[in-house]
Amino acid sequence: MVQRPRVAAFAVAVITVCAFVAQSARHPAPVVQRRLLRDRVFSSANVTVLIAYAAFAMLLLSVILWLEGHWHYSALRTGLASAPGR
């Protein structure tokens, strides 16, 4: 039951990325030039940042679930406990 929204979200993301690349190929001043995507250093740096942000998001989610599940924090207290600078 939970898999359907995930599959739909992934499909929307793939379609959106394809539309972005197609629009960038036709536009006279694209946001990201296609020759940059062919550069190995630029592409690998972007993939590395994507992996790092994904890992940080998983860590943040696990801390929030841990605070609510094991320490029985409320949603408000969890938000305040996981806020930056705390």
Protein backbone atom coordinates (compact mmCIF):
# COMPACT_ATOMS: atom_id res chain seq x y z
CA MET A 1 0.00 0.00 0.00
CA VAL A 2 2.84 2.41 0.79
CA GLN A 3 4.75 1.51 -2.37
CA ARG A 4 2.30 3.18 -4.78
CA PRO A 5 3.00 6.78 -3.70
CA ARG A 6 6.75 6.10 -3.77
CA VAL A 7 6.60 4.68 -7.26
CA ALA A 8 4.44 7.58 -8.42
CA ALA A 9 6.81 10.12 -6.86
CA PHE A 10 9.80 8.44 -8.48
CA ALA A 11 8.03 8.42 -11.86
CA VAL A 12 7.19 12.12 -11.54
CA ALA A 13 10.81 12.87 -10.62
CA VAL A 14 12.15 10.97 -13.65
CA ILE A 15 9.71 12.68 -16.01
CA THR A 16 10.58 16.09 -14.55
CA VAL A 17 14.33 15.53 -14.94
CA CYS A 18 13.82 14.40 -18.55
CA ALA A 19 11.72 17.48 -19.27
CA PHE A 20 14.38 19.70 -17.66
CA VAL A 21 17.15 18.20 -19.80
CA ALA A 22 15.05 18.49 -22.96
CA GLN A 23 14.19 22.12 -22.20
CA SER A 24 17.83 22.92 -21.45
CA ALA A 25 18.87 21.44 -24.79
CA ARG A 26 16.52 23.77 -26.69
CA HIS A 27 16.87 26.94 -24.65
CA PRO A 28 19.40 29.62 -25.80
CA ALA A 29 20.51 30.31 -22.19
CA PRO A 30 19.89 27.13 -20.14
CA VAL A 31 20.23 26.93 -16.38
CA VAL A 32 22.78 24.10 -16.69
CA GLN A 33 24.66 23.80 -19.95
CA ARG A 34 24.74 20.30 -21.38
CA ARG A 35 28.52 20.36 -21.84
CA LEU A 36 28.87 20.73 -18.06
CA LEU A 37 26.96 17.49 -17.54
CA ARG A 38 29.45 15.73 -19.82
CA ASP A 39 32.37 16.90 -17.64
CA ARG A 40 33.44 14.04 -15.40
CA VAL A 41 34.61 16.24 -12.52
CA PHE A 42 31.39 18.32 -12.47
CA SER A 43 29.16 15.26 -12.68
CA SER A 44 31.05 13.31 -10.01
CA ALA A 45 31.00 16.34 -7.69
CA ASN A 46 27.23 16.63 -8.09
CA VAL A 47 26.72 12.92 -7.45
CA THR A 48 28.95 13.15 -4.36
CA VAL A 49 26.95 16.09 -2.97
CA LEU A 50 23.70 14.25 -3.70
CA ILE A 51 24.91 11.21 -1.75
CA ALA A 52 26.10 13.40 1.15
CA TYR A 53 22.76 15.23 1.37
CA ALA A 54 20.85 11.95 1.17
CA ALA A 55 22.95 10.55 4.03
CA PHE A 56 22.34 13.68 6.10
CA ALA A 57 18.59 13.47 5.45
CA MET A 58 18.55 9.82 6.55
CA LEU A 59 20.46 10.72 9.71
CA LEU A 60 18.08 13.56 10.50
CA LEU A 61 15.03 11.37 9.93
CA SER A 62 16.44 8.60 12.12
CA VAL A 63 17.12 11.08 14.95
CA ILE A 64 13.57 12.44 14.72
CA LEU A 65 12.06 8.96 14.74
CA TRP A 66 14.30 7.98 17.65
CA LEU A 67 13.29 11.03 19.68
CA GLU A 68 9.60 10.41 19.11
CA GLY A 69 9.72 6.62 19.39
CA HIS A 70 12.17 5.90 22.19
CA TRP A 71 12.16 9.07 24.24
CA HIS A 72 8.44 9.70 23.62
CA TYR A 73 8.93 13.35 22.69
CA SER A 74 5.97 15.24 21.25
CA ALA A 75 6.20 16.61 17.71
CA LEU A 76 6.85 20.13 19.03
CA ARG A 77 9.51 19.02 21.48
CA THR A 78 11.17 16.89 18.78
CA GLY A 79 11.27 19.87 16.45
CA LEU A 80 12.84 22.04 19.11
CA ALA A 81 15.31 19.33 20.13
CA SER A 82 16.48 18.75 16.56
CA ALA A 83 16.67 22.45 15.62
CA PRO A 84 20.09 23.81 14.68
CA GLY A 85 22.01 25.46 17.48
CA ARG A 86 20.42 23.33 20.16
